[in-house]
């Protein structure tokens, strides 16, 4: 995959992750108090890590040819962690 294509897909992943975090925040507000307690801190942690993900994306855009693969891998791992955590939070809404 070309560098530009990966960057476009990376930006889409970021947008999808941030949209999903916002959706979880809305669902949390409508959830029971016990669910709010269980997932509130998890959602806040994700929201705080958003800047780290954006920073990795910025580093990826500015990467030299030598550092591109390492930064690409770090970004991919970060997005996978986000999706894993989002999936864990979503389980609290399944009945």
C-alpha atoms as a PDB file:
ATOM      1  CA  UNK A   1       0.000   0.000   0.000  1.00  0.00           C
ATOM      2  CA  UNK A   2       1.262   3.413  -0.892  1.00  0.00           C
ATOM      3  CA  UNK A   3       2.089   5.887   1.816  1.00  0.00           C
ATOM      4  CA  UNK A   4      -0.644   8.323   0.772  1.00  0.00           C
ATOM      5  CA  UNK A   5      -3.263   5.570   0.745  1.00  0.00           C
ATOM      6  CA  UNK A   6      -2.257   4.467   4.211  1.00  0.00           C
ATOM      7  CA  UNK A   7      -2.472   8.035   5.490  1.00  0.00           C
ATOM      8  CA  UNK A   8      -5.967   8.423   4.049  1.00  0.00           C
ATOM      9  CA  UNK A   9      -7.055   5.162   5.670  1.00  0.00           C
ATOM     10  CA  UNK A  10      -5.382   6.181   8.929  1.00  0.00           C
ATOM     11  CA  UNK A  11      -7.328   9.449   8.989  1.00  0.00           C
ATOM     12  CA  UNK A  12     -10.551   7.517   8.373  1.00  0.00           C
ATOM     13  CA  UNK A  13      -9.692   5.164  11.259  1.00  0.00           C
ATOM     14  CA  UNK A  14      -9.172   8.143  13.552  1.00  0.00           C
ATOM     15  CA  UNK A  15     -12.497   9.644  12.515  1.00  0.00           C
ATOM     16  CA  UNK A  16     -14.232   6.281  13.086  1.00  0.00           C
ATOM     17  CA  UNK A  17     -12.641   5.854  16.513  1.00  0.00           C
ATOM     18  CA  UNK A  18     -13.552   9.358  17.638  1.00  0.00           C
ATOM     19  CA  UNK A  19     -17.114   8.943  16.342  1.00  0.00           C
ATOM     20  CA  UNK A  20     -17.451   5.661  18.234  1.00  0.00           C
ATOM     21  CA  UNK A  21     -16.156   7.244  21.450  1.00  0.00           C
ATOM     22  CA  UNK A  22     -18.779   9.978  21.084  1.00  0.00           C
ATOM     23  CA  UNK A  23     -21.473   7.343  20.537  1.00  0.00           C
ATOM     24  CA  UNK A  24     -20.371   5.469  23.658  1.00  0.00           C
ATOM     25  CA  UNK A  25     -20.518   8.698  25.633  1.00  0.00           C
ATOM     26  CA  UNK A  26     -24.134   9.228  24.541  1.00  0.00           C
ATOM     27  CA  UNK A  27     -25.056   5.618  25.358  1.00  0.00           C
ATOM     28  CA  UNK A  28     -23.391   5.949  28.743  1.00  0.00           C
ATOM     29  CA  UNK A  29     -25.598   8.896  29.644  1.00  0.00           C
ATOM     30  CA  UNK A  30     -28.706   6.817  28.931  1.00  0.00           C
ATOM     31  CA  UNK A  31     -27.421   3.754  30.799  1.00  0.00           C
ATOM     32  CA  UNK A  32     -28.086   2.644  34.340  1.00  0.00           C
ATOM     33  CA  UNK A  33     -25.959   4.033  37.142  1.00  0.00           C
ATOM     34  CA  UNK A  34     -24.086   0.753  37.534  1.00  0.00           C
ATOM     35  CA  UNK A  35     -23.137   0.737  33.852  1.00  0.00           C
ATOM     36  CA  UNK A  36     -22.153   4.410  34.019  1.00  0.00           C
ATOM     37  CA  UNK A  37     -19.800   3.615  36.886  1.00  0.00           C
ATOM     38  CA  UNK A  38     -18.273   0.627  35.106  1.00  0.00           C
ATOM     39  CA  UNK A  39     -17.548   2.377  31.849  1.00  0.00           C
ATOM     40  CA  UNK A  40     -17.227   6.043  32.773  1.00  0.00           C
ATOM     41  CA  UNK A  41     -13.545   5.835  33.615  1.00  0.00           C
ATOM     42  CA  UNK A  42     -12.830   3.690  30.561  1.00  0.00           C
ATOM     43  CA  UNK A  43     -14.446   6.214  28.240  1.00  0.00           C
ATOM     44  CA  UNK A  44     -12.587   9.081  29.897  1.00  0.00           C
ATOM     45  CA  UNK A  45      -9.296   7.220  29.457  1.00  0.00           C
ATOM     46  CA  UNK A  46     -10.036   6.786  25.754  1.00  0.00           C
ATOM     47  CA  UNK A  47     -10.898  10.445  25.396  1.00  0.00           C
ATOM     48  CA  UNK A  48      -7.612  11.431  27.021  1.00  0.00           C
ATOM     49  CA  UNK A  49      -5.663   9.143  24.692  1.00  0.00           C
ATOM     50  CA  UNK A  50      -7.192  10.764  21.611  1.00  0.00           C
ATOM     51  CA  UNK A  51      -4.429  13.366  21.567  1.00  0.00           C
ATOM     52  CA  UNK A  52      -1.774  10.662  21.655  1.00  0.00           C
ATOM     53  CA  UNK A  53      -3.345   9.012  18.630  1.00  0.00           C
ATOM     54  CA  UNK A  54      -3.463  12.324  16.771  1.00  0.00           C
ATOM     55  CA  UNK A  55       0.185  12.891  17.628  1.00  0.00           C
ATOM     56  CA  UNK A  56       1.103   9.493  16.195  1.00  0.00           C
ATOM     57  CA  UNK A  57      -0.830  10.357  13.057  1.00  0.00           C
ATOM     58  CA  UNK A  58       1.008  13.680  12.751  1.00  0.00           C
ATOM     59  CA  UNK A  59       4.328  11.881  13.215  1.00  0.00           C
ATOM     60  CA  UNK A  60       3.285   9.441  10.531  1.00  0.00           C
ATOM     61  CA  UNK A  61       2.530  12.255   8.083  1.00  0.00           C
ATOM     62  CA  UNK A  62       5.919  13.844   8.744  1.00  0.00           C
ATOM     63  CA  UNK A  63       7.905  10.593   8.822  1.00  0.00           C
ATOM     64  CA  UNK A  64      11.098  10.202   6.899  1.00  0.00           C
ATOM     65  CA  UNK A  65      11.510   7.194   4.659  1.00  0.00           C
ATOM     66  CA  UNK A  66      13.681   5.587   7.339  1.00  0.00           C
ATOM     67  CA  UNK A  67      11.150   5.957  10.154  1.00  0.00           C
ATOM     68  CA  UNK A  68       7.970   5.398   8.114  1.00  0.00           C
ATOM     69  CA  UNK A  69       7.579   1.656   8.758  1.00  0.00           C
ATOM     70  CA  UNK A  70       8.171   1.970  12.505  1.00  0.00           C
ATOM     71  CA  UNK A  71       5.699   4.837  12.843  1.00  0.00           C
ATOM     72  CA  UNK A  72       3.178   3.051  10.641  1.00  0.00           C
ATOM     73  CA  UNK A  73       3.384  -0.015  12.884  1.00  0.00           C
ATOM     74  CA  UNK A  74       3.064   2.079  16.065  1.00  0.00           C
ATOM     75  CA  UNK A  75      -0.001   3.850  14.670  1.00  0.00           C
ATOM     76  CA  UNK A  76      -1.614   0.571  13.618  1.00  0.00           C
ATOM     77  CA  UNK A  77      -1.012  -0.943  17.054  1.00  0.00           C
ATOM     78  CA  UNK A  78      -2.544   2.129  18.717  1.00  0.00           C
ATOM     79  CA  UNK A  79      -5.697   1.934  16.620  1.00  0.00           C
ATOM     80  CA  UNK A  80      -6.017  -1.768  17.411  1.00  0.00           C
ATOM     81  CA  UNK A  81      -5.801  -0.999  21.129  1.00  0.00           C
ATOM     82  CA  UNK A  82      -8.510   1.645  20.770  1.00  0.00           C
ATOM     83  CA  UNK A  83     -10.830  -0.790  18.958  1.00  0.00           C
ATOM     84  CA  UNK A  84     -10.169  -3.497  21.533  1.00  0.00           C
ATOM     85  CA  UNK A  85     -11.091  -1.116  24.364  1.00  0.00           C
ATOM     86  CA  UNK A  86     -14.135   0.197  22.491  1.00  0.00           C
ATOM     87  CA  UNK A  87     -15.335  -3.367  21.926  1.00  0.00           C
ATOM     88  CA  UNK A  88     -14.914  -4.068  25.648  1.00  0.00           C
ATOM     89  CA  UNK A  89     -16.989  -1.040  26.562  1.00  0.00           C
ATOM     90  CA  UNK A  90     -19.685  -1.905  24.009  1.00  0.00           C
ATOM     91  CA  UNK A  91     -20.213  -5.257  25.748  1.00  0.00           C
ATOM     92  CA  UNK A  92     -21.724  -3.397  28.709  1.00  0.00           C
ATOM     93  CA  UNK A  93     -24.615  -2.297  26.495  1.00  0.00           C
ATOM     94  CA  UNK A  94     -25.548  -5.746  25.255  1.00  0.00           C
ATOM     95  CA  UNK A  95     -28.389  -7.370  27.095  1.00  0.00           C
END
